[in-house]
């Protein structure tokens, strides 16, 4: 029933931008954090960013700080990840996630996951 549908990935040259979105449905309780993670080929899934339910707190991985911006529109049950100044090392499948406990950089603490959207950054 719970579903997170992430989208917006694509192919972009280094230095370009993409905006990912994640539409959530079936979440009965709305006081949840939303986050983004990514997984590159041959690597473990890693934390990218999360935002608390009220949007008062955002947390970013050092690798994306200053380039990526996470935001949310609770009325639309949607979270976004604006990615600027993309680098080839940003290439990965990006997954959105929801956490009823308030958000964490730890993957295993997140409750729901999107299907992933591919981001490819060419050099």
PDB file of N, CA and C in Angstrom:
ATOM      1  N   UNK A   1       0.815  -1.199   0.000  1.00  0.00           N
ATOM      2  CA  UNK A   1       0.000   0.000   0.000  1.00  0.00           C
ATOM      3  C   UNK A   1       0.856   1.259   0.000  1.00  0.00           C
ATOM      4  N   UNK A   2       1.853   1.290   0.870  1.00  0.00           N
ATOM      5  CA  UNK A   2       2.763   2.431   0.902  1.00  0.00           C
ATOM      6  C   UNK A   2       3.636   2.389  -0.337  1.00  0.00           C
ATOM      7  N   UNK A   3       3.728   3.516  -0.984  1.00  0.00           N
ATOM      8  CA  UNK A   3       4.513   3.581  -2.194  1.00  0.00           C
ATOM      9  C   UNK A   3       5.215   4.926  -2.310  1.00  0.00           C
ATOM     10  N   UNK A   4       6.484   4.872  -2.619  1.00  0.00           N
ATOM     11  CA  UNK A   4       7.265   6.053  -2.928  1.00  0.00           C
ATOM     12  C   UNK A   4       7.725   5.917  -4.369  1.00  0.00           C
ATOM     13  N   UNK A   5       7.355   6.862  -5.180  1.00  0.00           N
ATOM     14  CA  UNK A   5       7.710   6.830  -6.590  1.00  0.00           C
ATOM     15  C   UNK A   5       8.683   7.955  -6.873  1.00  0.00           C
ATOM     16  N   UNK A   6       9.929   7.587  -7.103  1.00  0.00           N
ATOM     17  CA  UNK A   6      10.940   8.590  -7.384  1.00  0.00           C
ATOM     18  C   UNK A   6      11.177   8.679  -8.888  1.00  0.00           C
ATOM     19  N   UNK A   7      11.472   9.868  -9.324  1.00  0.00           N
ATOM     20  CA  UNK A   7      11.617  10.118 -10.747  1.00  0.00           C
ATOM     21  C   UNK A   7      12.495  11.344 -10.962  1.00  0.00           C
ATOM     22  N   UNK A   8      12.802  11.606 -12.203  1.00  0.00           N
ATOM     23  CA  UNK A   8      13.556  12.796 -12.563  1.00  0.00           C
ATOM     24  C   UNK A   8      14.990  12.553 -12.959  1.00  0.00           C
ATOM     25  N   UNK A   9      15.434  11.319 -12.862  1.00  0.00           N
ATOM     26  CA  UNK A   9      16.797  11.013 -13.250  1.00  0.00           C
ATOM     27  C   UNK A   9      16.988  11.101 -14.749  1.00  0.00           C
ATOM     28  N   UNK A  10      18.232  11.049 -15.146  1.00  0.00           N
ATOM     29  CA  UNK A  10      18.546  11.120 -16.557  1.00  0.00           C
ATOM     30  C   UNK A  10      20.028  11.234 -16.778  1.00  0.00           C
ATOM     31  N   UNK A  11      20.370  11.559 -17.995  1.00  0.00           N
ATOM     32  CA  UNK A  11      21.761  11.724 -18.396  1.00  0.00           C
ATOM     33  C   UNK A  11      22.076  13.206 -18.504  1.00  0.00           C
ATOM     34  N   UNK A  12      23.134  13.619 -17.855  1.00  0.00           N
ATOM     35  CA  UNK A  12      23.520  15.018 -17.871  1.00  0.00           C
ATOM     36  C   UNK A  12      25.038  15.120 -17.886  1.00  0.00           C
ATOM     37  N   UNK A  13      25.541  16.159 -18.490  1.00  0.00           N
ATOM     38  CA  UNK A  13      26.980  16.384 -18.488  1.00  0.00           C
ATOM     39  C   UNK A  13      27.438  16.977 -17.161  1.00  0.00           C
ATOM     40  N   UNK A  14      28.691  16.749 -16.858  1.00  0.00           N
ATOM     41  CA  UNK A  14      29.259  17.318 -15.645  1.00  0.00           C
ATOM     42  C   UNK A  14      29.034  18.821 -15.605  1.00  0.00           C
ATOM     43  N   UNK A  15      28.657  19.294 -14.431  1.00  0.00           N
ATOM     44  CA  UNK A  15      28.342  20.702 -14.261  1.00  0.00           C
ATOM     45  C   UNK A  15      26.875  21.025 -14.436  1.00  0.00           C
ATOM     46  N   UNK A  16      26.125  20.082 -14.943  1.00  0.00           N
ATOM     47  CA  UNK A  16      24.710  20.294 -15.164  1.00  0.00           C
ATOM     48  C   UNK A  16      23.883  20.052 -13.922  1.00  0.00           C
ATOM     49  N   UNK A  17      22.572  20.117 -14.100  1.00  0.00           N
ATOM     50  CA  UNK A  17      21.642  20.006 -12.988  1.00  0.00           C
ATOM     51  C   UNK A  17      20.506  19.057 -13.317  1.00  0.00           C
ATOM     52  N   UNK A  18      19.973  18.463 -12.284  1.00  0.00           N
ATOM     53  CA  UNK A  18      18.776  17.648 -12.367  1.00  0.00           C
ATOM     54  C   UNK A  18      17.964  17.862 -11.104  1.00  0.00           C
ATOM     55  N   UNK A  19      16.673  17.694 -11.210  1.00  0.00           N
ATOM     56  CA  UNK A  19      15.820  17.712 -10.040  1.00  0.00           C
ATOM     57  C   UNK A  19      15.065  16.402  -9.937  1.00  0.00           C
ATOM     58  N   UNK A  20      15.280  15.712  -8.856  1.00  0.00           N
ATOM     59  CA  UNK A  20      14.570  14.486  -8.583  1.00  0.00           C
ATOM     60  C   UNK A  20      13.343  14.778  -7.740  1.00  0.00           C
ATOM     61  N   UNK A  21      12.325  13.997  -7.931  1.00  0.00           N
ATOM     62  CA  UNK A  21      11.138  14.121  -7.114  1.00  0.00           C
ATOM     63  C   UNK A  21      10.699  12.756  -6.633  1.00  0.00           C
ATOM     64  N   UNK A  22       9.984  12.747  -5.541  1.00  0.00           N
ATOM     65  CA  UNK A  22       9.486  11.511  -4.961  1.00  0.00           C
ATOM     66  C   UNK A  22       8.093  11.766  -4.434  1.00  0.00           C
ATOM     67  N   UNK A  23       7.137  11.096  -5.010  1.00  0.00           N
ATOM     68  CA  UNK A  23       5.752  11.224  -4.592  1.00  0.00           C
ATOM     69  C   UNK A  23       5.387  10.058  -3.689  1.00  0.00           C
ATOM     70  N   UNK A  24       4.910  10.377  -2.509  1.00  0.00           N
ATOM     71  CA  UNK A  24       4.559   9.364  -1.523  1.00  0.00           C
ATOM     72  C   UNK A  24       3.055   9.174  -1.466  1.00  0.00           C
ATOM     73  N   UNK A  25       2.654   7.941  -1.290  1.00  0.00           N
ATOM     74  CA  UNK A  25       1.247   7.622  -1.117  1.00  0.00           C
ATOM     75  C   UNK A  25       1.106   6.496  -0.106  1.00  0.00           C
ATOM     76  N   UNK A  26      -0.032   6.450   0.548  1.00  0.00           N
ATOM     77  CA  UNK A  26      -0.304   5.387   1.495  1.00  0.00           C
ATOM     78  C   UNK A  26       0.320   5.560   2.862  1.00  0.00           C
ATOM     79  N   UNK A  27       0.918   6.699   3.128  1.00  0.00           N
ATOM     80  CA  UNK A  27       1.518   6.945   4.430  1.00  0.00           C
ATOM     81  C   UNK A  27       0.446   7.508   5.365  1.00  0.00           C
ATOM     82  N   UNK A  28       0.000   6.691   6.290  1.00  0.00           N
ATOM     83  CA  UNK A  28      -1.067   7.095   7.194  1.00  0.00           C
ATOM     84  C   UNK A  28      -0.623   8.205   8.140  1.00  0.00           C
ATOM     85  N   UNK A  29       0.553   8.055   8.672  1.00  0.00           N
ATOM     86  CA  UNK A  29       1.113   9.055   9.572  1.00  0.00           C
ATOM     87  C   UNK A  29       2.022   9.978   8.784  1.00  0.00           C
ATOM     88  N   UNK A  30       1.830  11.253   8.962  1.00  0.00           N
ATOM     89  CA  UNK A  30       2.500  12.227   8.121  1.00  0.00           C
ATOM     90  C   UNK A  30       3.702  12.897   8.750  1.00  0.00           C
ATOM     91  N   UNK A  31       3.958  12.620  10.005  1.00  0.00           N
ATOM     92  CA  UNK A  31       5.108  13.224  10.671  1.00  0.00           C
ATOM     93  C   UNK A  31       6.341  12.366  10.434  1.00  0.00           C
ATOM     94  N   UNK A  32       6.757  12.333   9.200  1.00  0.00           N
ATOM     95  CA  UNK A  32       7.900  11.521   8.832  1.00  0.00           C
ATOM     96  C   UNK A  32       8.961  12.364   8.140  1.00  0.00           C
ATOM     97  N   UNK A  33      10.177  11.940   8.298  1.00  0.00           N
ATOM     98  CA  UNK A  33      11.266  12.535   7.552  1.00  0.00           C
ATOM     99  C   UNK A  33      11.345  11.894   6.176  1.00  0.00           C
ATOM    100  N   UNK A  34      11.885  12.640   5.240  1.00  0.00           N
ATOM    101  CA  UNK A  34      12.101  12.124   3.904  1.00  0.00           C
ATOM    102  C   UNK A  34      13.563  12.307   3.545  1.00  0.00           C
ATOM    103  N   UNK A  35      14.100  11.343   2.843  1.00  0.00           N
ATOM    104  CA  UNK A  35      15.510  11.407   2.513  1.00  0.00           C
ATOM    105  C   UNK A  35      15.823  10.844   1.148  1.00  0.00           C
ATOM    106  N   UNK A  36      17.056  11.028   0.775  1.00  0.00           N
ATOM    107  CA  UNK A  36      17.578  10.492  -0.470  1.00  0.00           C
ATOM    108  C   UNK A  36      18.865   9.731  -0.207  1.00  0.00           C
ATOM    109  N   UNK A  37      18.981   8.609  -0.868  1.00  0.00           N
ATOM    110  CA  UNK A  37      20.173   7.787  -0.834  1.00  0.00           C
ATOM    111  C   UNK A  37      20.556   7.447  -2.261  1.00  0.00           C
ATOM    112  N   UNK A  38      21.758   6.984  -2.439  1.00  0.00           N
ATOM    113  CA  UNK A  38      22.175   6.608  -3.780  1.00  0.00           C
ATOM    114  C   UNK A  38      23.086   5.393  -3.733  1.00  0.00           C
ATOM    115  N   UNK A  39      23.105   4.692  -4.841  1.00  0.00           N
ATOM    116  CA  UNK A  39      23.928   3.504  -4.942  1.00  0.00           C
ATOM    117  C   UNK A  39      24.567   3.457  -6.317  1.00  0.00           C
ATOM    118  N   UNK A  40      25.873   3.546  -6.339  1.00  0.00           N
ATOM    119  CA  UNK A  40      26.629   3.449  -7.569  1.00  0.00           C
ATOM    120  C   UNK A  40      26.953   1.987  -7.852  1.00  0.00           C
ATOM    121  N   UNK A  41      27.224   1.657  -9.102  1.00  0.00           N
ATOM    122  CA  UNK A  41      27.555   0.270  -9.439  1.00  0.00           C
ATOM    123  C   UNK A  41      28.723  -0.256  -8.615  1.00  0.00           C
ATOM    124  N   UNK A  42      28.538  -1.417  -8.026  1.00  0.00           N
ATOM    125  CA  UNK A  42      29.586  -2.036  -7.243  1.00  0.00           C
ATOM    126  C   UNK A  42      29.813  -1.441  -5.873  1.00  0.00           C
ATOM    127  N   UNK A  43      28.967  -0.520  -5.469  1.00  0.00           N
ATOM    128  CA  UNK A  43      29.132   0.126  -4.179  1.00  0.00           C
ATOM    129  C   UNK A  43      27.891  -0.047  -3.313  1.00  0.00           C
ATOM    130  N   UNK A  44      28.074   0.183  -2.037  1.00  0.00           N
ATOM    131  CA  UNK A  44      26.956   0.134  -1.104  1.00  0.00           C
ATOM    132  C   UNK A  44      26.106   1.393  -1.229  1.00  0.00           C
ATOM    133  N   UNK A  45      24.864   1.257  -0.859  1.00  0.00           N
ATOM    134  CA  UNK A  45      23.988   2.415  -0.845  1.00  0.00           C
ATOM    135  C   UNK A  45      24.478   3.405   0.213  1.00  0.00           C
ATOM    136  N   UNK A  46      24.472   4.671  -0.139  1.00  0.00           N
ATOM    137  CA  UNK A  46      24.978   5.679   0.767  1.00  0.00           C
ATOM    138  C   UNK A  46      23.979   6.816   0.953  1.00  0.00           C
ATOM    139  N   UNK A  47      24.096   7.441   2.087  1.00  0.00           N
ATOM    140  CA  UNK A  47      23.240   8.554   2.436  1.00  0.00           C
ATOM    141  C   UNK A  47      23.583   9.784   1.624  1.00  0.00           C
ATOM    142  N   UNK A  48      22.553  10.504   1.212  1.00  0.00           N
ATOM    143  CA  UNK A  48      22.735  11.749   0.489  1.00  0.00           C
ATOM    144  C   UNK A  48      22.211  12.938   1.290  1.00  0.00           C
ATOM    145  N   UNK A  49      20.948  12.878   1.678  1.00  0.00           N
ATOM    146  CA  UNK A  49      20.340  13.991   2.394  1.00  0.00           C
ATOM    147  C   UNK A  49      19.025  13.561   3.001  1.00  0.00           C
ATOM    148  N   UNK A  50      18.604  14.258   4.045  1.00  0.00           N
ATOM    149  CA  UNK A  50      17.247  14.088   4.530  1.00  0.00           C
ATOM    150  C   UNK A  50      16.714  15.394   5.079  1.00  0.00           C
ATOM    151  N   UNK A  51      15.409  15.437   5.206  1.00  0.00           N
ATOM    152  CA  UNK A  51      14.726  16.615   5.702  1.00  0.00           C
ATOM    153  C   UNK A  51      13.650  16.174   6.678  1.00  0.00           C
ATOM    154  N   UNK A  52      13.507  16.905   7.766  1.00  0.00           N
ATOM    155  CA  UNK A  52      12.499  16.564   8.756  1.00  0.00           C
ATOM    156  C   UNK A  52      11.116  16.957   8.266  1.00  0.00           C
ATOM    157  N   UNK A  53      10.101  16.472   8.958  1.00  0.00           N
ATOM    158  CA  UNK A  53       8.727  16.677   8.513  1.00  0.00           C
ATOM    159  C   UNK A  53       8.392  18.154   8.356  1.00  0.00           C
ATOM    160  N   UNK A  54       8.786  18.960   9.325  1.00  0.00           N
ATOM    161  CA  UNK A  54       8.495  20.375   9.263  1.00  0.00           C
ATOM    162  C   UNK A  54       9.459  21.167   8.405  1.00  0.00           C
ATOM    163  N   UNK A  55      10.493  20.533   7.934  1.00  0.00           N
ATOM    164  CA  UNK A  55      11.463  21.198   7.081  1.00  0.00           C
ATOM    165  C   UNK A  55      12.460  22.065   7.824  1.00  0.00           C
ATOM    166  N   UNK A  56      12.440  22.012   9.147  1.00  0.00           N
ATOM    167  CA  UNK A  56      13.328  22.867   9.930  1.00  0.00           C
ATOM    168  C   UNK A  56      14.769  22.389   9.923  1.00  0.00           C
ATOM    169  N   UNK A  57      14.955  21.149   9.635  1.00  0.00           N
ATOM    170  CA  UNK A  57      16.297  20.588   9.657  1.00  0.00           C
ATOM    171  C   UNK A  57      16.569  19.815   8.388  1.00  0.00           C
ATOM    172  N   UNK A  58      17.697  20.101   7.798  1.00  0.00           N
ATOM    173  CA  UNK A  58      18.180  19.329   6.662  1.00  0.00           C
ATOM    174  C   UNK A  58      19.589  18.862   6.958  1.00  0.00           C
ATOM    175  N   UNK A  59      19.893  17.676   6.523  1.00  0.00           N
ATOM    176  CA  UNK A  59      21.199  17.087   6.734  1.00  0.00           C
ATOM    177  C   UNK A  59      21.703  16.551   5.402  1.00  0.00           C
ATOM    178  N   UNK A  60      22.962  16.842   5.104  1.00  0.00           N
ATOM    179  CA  UNK A  60      23.548  16.438   3.847  1.00  0.00           C
ATOM    180  C   UNK A  60      24.843  15.674   4.058  1.00  0.00           C
ATOM    181  N   UNK A  61      25.093  14.756   3.163  1.00  0.00           N
ATOM    182  CA  UNK A  61      26.404  14.142   3.117  1.00  0.00           C
ATOM    183  C   UNK A  61      27.426  15.184   2.678  1.00  0.00           C
ATOM    184  N   UNK A  62      28.630  15.061   3.185  1.00  0.00           N
ATOM    185  CA  UNK A  62      29.664  16.030   2.843  1.00  0.00           C
ATOM    186  C   UNK A  62      29.914  16.100   1.339  1.00  0.00           C
ATOM    187  N   UNK A  63      29.755  14.988   0.668  1.00  0.00           N
ATOM    188  CA  UNK A  63      30.048  14.932  -0.749  1.00  0.00           C
ATOM    189  C   UNK A  63      29.099  15.763  -1.609  1.00  0.00           C
ATOM    190  N   UNK A  64      27.929  16.086  -1.076  1.00  0.00           N
ATOM    191  CA  UNK A  64      26.949  16.834  -1.853  1.00  0.00           C
ATOM    192  C   UNK A  64      26.631  18.193  -1.255  1.00  0.00           C
ATOM    193  N   UNK A  65      27.150  18.468  -0.094  1.00  0.00           N
ATOM    194  CA  UNK A  65      26.859  19.715   0.591  1.00  0.00           C
ATOM    195  C   UNK A  65      27.269  20.910  -0.268  1.00  0.00           C
ATOM    196  N   UNK A  66      26.365  21.851  -0.397  1.00  0.00           N
ATOM    197  CA  UNK A  66      26.625  23.019  -1.211  1.00  0.00           C
ATOM    198  C   UNK A  66      26.211  22.870  -2.656  1.00  0.00           C
ATOM    199  N   UNK A  67      25.950  21.646  -3.091  1.00  0.00           N
ATOM    200  CA  UNK A  67      25.543  21.392  -4.467  1.00  0.00           C
ATOM    201  C   UNK A  67      24.107  20.889  -4.565  1.00  0.00           C
ATOM    202  N   UNK A  68      23.700  20.095  -3.593  1.00  0.00           N
ATOM    203  CA  UNK A  68      22.369  19.507  -3.598  1.00  0.00           C
ATOM    204  C   UNK A  68      21.496  20.204  -2.565  1.00  0.00           C
ATOM    205  N   UNK A  69      20.219  20.272  -2.854  1.00  0.00           N
ATOM    206  CA  UNK A  69      19.264  20.838  -1.922  1.00  0.00           C
ATOM    207  C   UNK A  69      18.043  19.937  -1.834  1.00  0.00           C
ATOM    208  N   UNK A  70      17.714  19.527  -0.633  1.00  0.00           N
ATOM    209  CA  UNK A  70      16.520  18.731  -0.425  1.00  0.00           C
ATOM    210  C   UNK A  70      15.403  19.641   0.065  1.00  0.00           C
ATOM    211  N   UNK A  71      14.215  19.397  -0.407  1.00  0.00           N
ATOM    212  CA  UNK A  71      13.056  20.166   0.014  1.00  0.00           C
ATOM    213  C   UNK A  71      11.829  19.267  -0.037  1.00  0.00           C
ATOM    214  N   UNK A  72      10.755  19.744   0.547  1.00  0.00           N
ATOM    215  CA  UNK A  72       9.530  18.948   0.536  1.00  0.00           C
ATOM    216  C   UNK A  72       8.314  19.839   0.492  1.00  0.00           C
ATOM    217  N   UNK A  73       7.278  19.286  -0.049  1.00  0.00           N
ATOM    218  CA  UNK A  73       5.974  19.923  -0.086  1.00  0.00           C
ATOM    219  C   UNK A  73       5.010  18.940   0.555  1.00  0.00           C
ATOM    220  N   UNK A  74       4.743  19.146   1.825  1.00  0.00           N
ATOM    221  CA  UNK A  74       3.917  18.195   2.556  1.00  0.00           C
ATOM    222  C   UNK A  74       2.490  18.130   2.026  1.00  0.00           C
ATOM    223  N   UNK A  75       1.992  19.234   1.523  1.00  0.00           N
ATOM    224  CA  UNK A  75       0.647  19.238   0.966  1.00  0.00           C
ATOM    225  C   UNK A  75       0.543  18.310  -0.234  1.00  0.00           C
ATOM    226  N   UNK A  76       1.638  18.143  -0.930  1.00  0.00           N
ATOM    227  CA  UNK A  76       1.671  17.269  -2.093  1.00  0.00           C
ATOM    228  C   UNK A  76       2.317  15.925  -1.804  1.00  0.00           C
ATOM    229  N   UNK A  77       2.727  15.729  -0.561  1.00  0.00           N
ATOM    230  CA  UNK A  77       3.402  14.494  -0.164  1.00  0.00           C
ATOM    231  C   UNK A  77       4.580  14.187  -1.082  1.00  0.00           C
ATOM    232  N   UNK A  78       5.355  15.197  -1.342  1.00  0.00           N
ATOM    233  CA  UNK A  78       6.440  15.078  -2.297  1.00  0.00           C
ATOM    234  C   UNK A  78       7.727  15.654  -1.724  1.00  0.00           C
ATOM    235  N   UNK A  79       8.813  14.982  -1.996  1.00  0.00           N
ATOM    236  CA  UNK A  79      10.134  15.464  -1.625  1.00  0.00           C
ATOM    237  C   UNK A  79      10.952  15.623  -2.894  1.00  0.00           C
ATOM    238  N   UNK A  80      11.839  16.603  -2.886  1.00  0.00           N
ATOM    239  CA  UNK A  80      12.642  16.907  -4.051  1.00  0.00           C
ATOM    240  C   UNK A  80      14.120  16.887  -3.699  1.00  0.00           C
ATOM    241  N   UNK A  81      14.911  16.638  -4.691  1.00  0.00           N
ATOM    242  CA  UNK A  81      16.347  16.787  -4.557  1.00  0.00           C
ATOM    243  C   UNK A  81      16.852  17.555  -5.766  1.00  0.00           C
ATOM    244  N   UNK A  82      17.205  18.798  -5.541  1.00  0.00           N
ATOM    245  CA  UNK A  82      17.789  19.615  -6.586  1.00  0.00           C
ATOM    246  C   UNK A  82      19.286  19.377  -6.587  1.00  0.00           C
ATOM    247  N   UNK A  83      19.792  18.913  -7.690  1.00  0.00           N
ATOM    248  CA  UNK A  83      21.196  18.564  -7.812  1.00  0.00           C
ATOM    249  C   UNK A  83      21.852  19.498  -8.814  1.00  0.00           C
ATOM    250  N   UNK A  84      22.796  20.268  -8.338  1.00  0.00           N
ATOM    251  CA  UNK A  84      23.525  21.210  -9.176  1.00  0.00           C
ATOM    252  C   UNK A  84      25.001  20.853  -9.209  1.00  0.00           C
ATOM    253  N   UNK A  85      25.676  21.384 -10.197  1.00  0.00           N
ATOM    254  CA  UNK A  85      27.110  21.157 -10.378  1.00  0.00           C
ATOM    255  C   UNK A  85      27.409  19.667 -10.271  1.00  0.00           C
ATOM    256  N   UNK A  86      26.691  18.904 -11.021  1.00  0.00           N
ATOM    257  CA  UNK A  86      26.834  17.462 -10.956  1.00  0.00           C
ATOM    258  C   UNK A  86      28.205  17.015 -11.435  1.00  0.00           C
ATOM    259  N   UNK A  87      28.684  15.980 -10.793  1.00  0.00           N
ATOM    260  CA  UNK A  87      29.981  15.411 -11.092  1.00  0.00           C
ATOM    261  C   UNK A  87      29.813  13.961 -11.529  1.00  0.00           C
ATOM    262  N   UNK A  88      30.768  13.436 -12.279  1.00  0.00           N
ATOM    263  CA  UNK A  88      30.664  12.029 -12.670  1.00  0.00           C
ATOM    264  C   UNK A  88      30.507  11.089 -11.477  1.00  0.00           C
ATOM    265  N   UNK A  89      31.114  11.417 -10.360  1.00  0.00           N
ATOM    266  CA  UNK A  89      30.996  10.579  -9.188  1.00  0.00           C
ATOM    267  C   UNK A  89      29.614  10.607  -8.552  1.00  0.00           C
ATOM    268  N   UNK A  90      28.745  11.488  -9.033  1.00  0.00           N
ATOM    269  CA  UNK A  90      27.359  11.489  -8.590  1.00  0.00           C
ATOM    270  C   UNK A  90      26.524  10.439  -9.311  1.00  0.00           C
ATOM    271  N   UNK A  91      27.092   9.807 -10.305  1.00  0.00           N
ATOM    272  CA  UNK A  91      26.379   8.782 -11.049  1.00  0.00           C
ATOM    273  C   UNK A  91      25.974   7.644 -10.126  1.00  0.00           C
ATOM    274  N   UNK A  92      24.696   7.354 -10.105  1.00  0.00           N
ATOM    275  CA  UNK A  92      24.167   6.326  -9.221  1.00  0.00           C
ATOM    276  C   UNK A  92      22.676   6.199  -9.456  1.00  0.00           C
ATOM    277  N   UNK A  93      22.111   5.159  -8.886  1.00  0.00           N
ATOM    278  CA  UNK A  93      20.669   5.081  -8.759  1.00  0.00           C
ATOM    279  C   UNK A  93      20.297   5.793  -7.468  1.00  0.00           C
ATOM    280  N   UNK A  94      19.390   6.734  -7.568  1.00  0.00           N
ATOM    281  CA  UNK A  94      18.973   7.509  -6.415  1.00  0.00           C
ATOM    282  C   UNK A  94      17.636   7.004  -5.905  1.00  0.00           C
ATOM    283  N   UNK A  95      17.562   6.818  -4.602  1.00  0.00           N
ATOM    284  CA  UNK A  95      16.371   6.287  -3.961  1.00  0.00           C
ATOM    285  C   UNK A  95      15.848   7.283  -2.934  1.00  0.00           C
ATOM    286  N   UNK A  96      14.568   7.532  -2.966  1.00  0.00           N
ATOM    287  CA  UNK A  96      13.982   8.298  -1.883  1.00  0.00           C
ATOM    288  C   UNK A  96      13.515   7.338  -0.801  1.00  0.00           C
ATOM    289  N   UNK A  97      13.375   7.862   0.392  1.00  0.00           N
ATOM    290  CA  UNK A  97      12.995   7.042   1.533  1.00  0.00           C
ATOM    291  C   UNK A  97      12.194   7.865   2.529  1.00  0.00           C
ATOM    292  N   UNK A  98      11.412   7.167   3.330  1.00  0.00           N
ATOM    293  CA  UNK A  98      10.608   7.793   4.373  1.00  0.00           C
ATOM    294  C   UNK A  98      10.903   7.137   5.706  1.00  0.00           C
ATOM    295  N   UNK A  99      10.965   7.949   6.738  1.00  0.00           N
ATOM    296  CA  UNK A  99      11.293   7.474   8.077  1.00  0.00           C
ATOM    297  C   UNK A  99      10.346   8.108   9.083  1.00  0.00           C
ATOM    298  N   UNK A 100       9.538   7.297   9.720  1.00  0.00           N
ATOM    299  CA  UNK A 100       8.594   7.794  10.716  1.00  0.00           C
ATOM    300  C   UNK A 100       9.273   8.244  12.001  1.00  0.00           C
ATOM    301  N   UNK A 101      10.536   7.882  12.168  1.00  0.00           N
ATOM    302  CA  UNK A 101      11.245   8.178  13.404  1.00  0.00           C
ATOM    303  C   UNK A 101      11.988   9.503  13.378  1.00  0.00           C
ATOM    304  N   UNK A 102      11.966  10.204  12.271  1.00  0.00           N
ATOM    305  CA  UNK A 102      12.531  11.537  12.258  1.00  0.00           C
ATOM    306  C   UNK A 102      13.738  11.767  11.381  1.00  0.00           C
ATOM    307  N   UNK A 103      14.260  10.709  10.796  1.00  0.00           N
ATOM    308  CA  UNK A 103      15.378  10.877   9.890  1.00  0.00           C
ATOM    309  C   UNK A 103      16.699  10.447  10.480  1.00  0.00           C
ATOM    310  N   UNK A 104      17.532   9.912   9.620  1.00  0.00           N
ATOM    311  CA  UNK A 104      18.823   9.395  10.031  1.00  0.00           C
ATOM    312  C   UNK A 104      19.674   9.181   8.797  1.00  0.00           C
ATOM    313  N   UNK A 105      20.989   9.212   8.999  1.00  0.00           N
ATOM    314  CA  UNK A 105      21.906   8.868   7.927  1.00  0.00           C
ATOM    315  C   UNK A 105      22.104   7.365   7.806  1.00  0.00           C
ATOM    316  N   UNK A 106      21.531   6.625   8.716  1.00  0.00           N
ATOM    317  CA  UNK A 106      21.677   5.183   8.720  1.00  0.00           C
ATOM    318  C   UNK A 106      20.588   4.544   7.877  1.00  0.00           C
ATOM    319  N   UNK A 107      21.002   3.813   6.890  1.00  0.00           N
ATOM    320  CA  UNK A 107      20.072   3.249   5.917  1.00  0.00           C
ATOM    321  C   UNK A 107      19.029   2.352   6.565  1.00  0.00           C
ATOM    322  N   UNK A 108      19.458   1.546   7.514  1.00  0.00           N
ATOM    323  CA  UNK A 108      18.567   0.551   8.080  1.00  0.00           C
ATOM    324  C   UNK A 108      17.468   1.138   8.954  1.00  0.00           C
ATOM    325  N   UNK A 109      17.546   2.399   9.261  1.00  0.00           N
ATOM    326  CA  UNK A 109      16.521   3.027  10.086  1.00  0.00           C
ATOM    327  C   UNK A 109      15.344   3.576   9.276  1.00  0.00           C
ATOM    328  N   UNK A 110      15.423   3.502   7.975  1.00  0.00           N
ATOM    329  CA  UNK A 110      14.363   4.024   7.130  1.00  0.00           C
ATOM    330  C   UNK A 110      13.319   2.954   6.817  1.00  0.00           C
ATOM    331  N   UNK A 111      12.078   3.374   6.778  1.00  0.00           N
ATOM    332  CA  UNK A 111      10.958   2.443   6.723  1.00  0.00           C
ATOM    333  C   UNK A 111      10.491   2.100   5.317  1.00  0.00           C
ATOM    334  N   UNK A 112      10.506   3.059   4.434  1.00  0.00           N
ATOM    335  CA  UNK A 112       9.976   2.858   3.094  1.00  0.00           C
ATOM    336  C   UNK A 112      10.935   3.412   2.066  1.00  0.00           C
ATOM    337  N   UNK A 113      10.909   2.782   0.898  1.00  0.00           N
ATOM    338  CA  UNK A 113      11.851   3.130  -0.159  1.00  0.00           C
ATOM    339  C   UNK A 113      11.171   3.220  -1.507  1.00  0.00           C
ATOM    340  N   UNK A 114      11.665   4.133  -2.317  1.00  0.00           N
ATOM    341  CA  UNK A 114      11.242   4.205  -3.693  1.00  0.00           C
ATOM    342  C   UNK A 114      11.966   3.180  -4.535  1.00  0.00           C
ATOM    343  N   UNK A 115      11.593   3.114  -5.793  1.00  0.00           N
ATOM    344  CA  UNK A 115      12.165   2.113  -6.690  1.00  0.00           C
ATOM    345  C   UNK A 115      13.511   2.526  -7.270  1.00  0.00           C
ATOM    346  N   UNK A 116      13.850   3.778  -7.131  1.00  0.00           N
ATOM    347  CA  UNK A 116      15.110   4.282  -7.635  1.00  0.00           C
ATOM    348  C   UNK A 116      14.984   4.921  -9.000  1.00  0.00           C
ATOM    349  N   UNK A 117      15.790   5.938  -9.219  1.00  0.00           N
ATOM    350  CA  UNK A 117      15.855   6.598 -10.511  1.00  0.00           C
ATOM    351  C   UNK A 117      17.319   6.819 -10.865  1.00  0.00           C
ATOM    352  N   UNK A 118      17.662   6.496 -12.092  1.00  0.00           N
ATOM    353  CA  UNK A 118      19.057   6.517 -12.518  1.00  0.00           C
ATOM    354  C   UNK A 118      19.514   7.926 -12.855  1.00  0.00           C
ATOM    355  N   UNK A 119      20.634   8.304 -12.290  1.00  0.00           N
ATOM    356  CA  UNK A 119      21.302   9.555 -12.625  1.00  0.00           C
ATOM    357  C   UNK A 119      22.672   9.218 -13.184  1.00  0.00           C
ATOM    358  N   UNK A 120      22.928   9.668 -14.390  1.00  0.00           N
ATOM    359  CA  UNK A 120      24.208   9.427 -15.028  1.00  0.00           C
ATOM    360  C   UNK A 120      24.824  10.766 -15.412  1.00  0.00           C
ATOM    361  N   UNK A 121      26.023  11.001 -14.939  1.00  0.00           N
ATOM    362  CA  UNK A 121      26.728  12.244 -15.207  1.00  0.00           C
ATOM    363  C   UNK A 121      27.958  11.918 -16.032  1.00  0.00           C
ATOM    364  N   UNK A 122      28.006  12.447 -17.223  1.00  0.00           N
ATOM    365  CA  UNK A 122      29.128  12.205 -18.111  1.00  0.00           C
ATOM    366  C   UNK A 122      30.198  13.264 -17.924  1.00  0.00           C
ATOM    367  N   UNK A 123      31.430  12.887 -18.167  1.00  0.00           N
ATOM    368  CA  UNK A 123      32.545  13.803 -18.016  1.00  0.00           C
ATOM    369  C   UNK A 123      32.789  14.613 -19.265  1.00  0.00           C
TER     370      UNK A 123
END
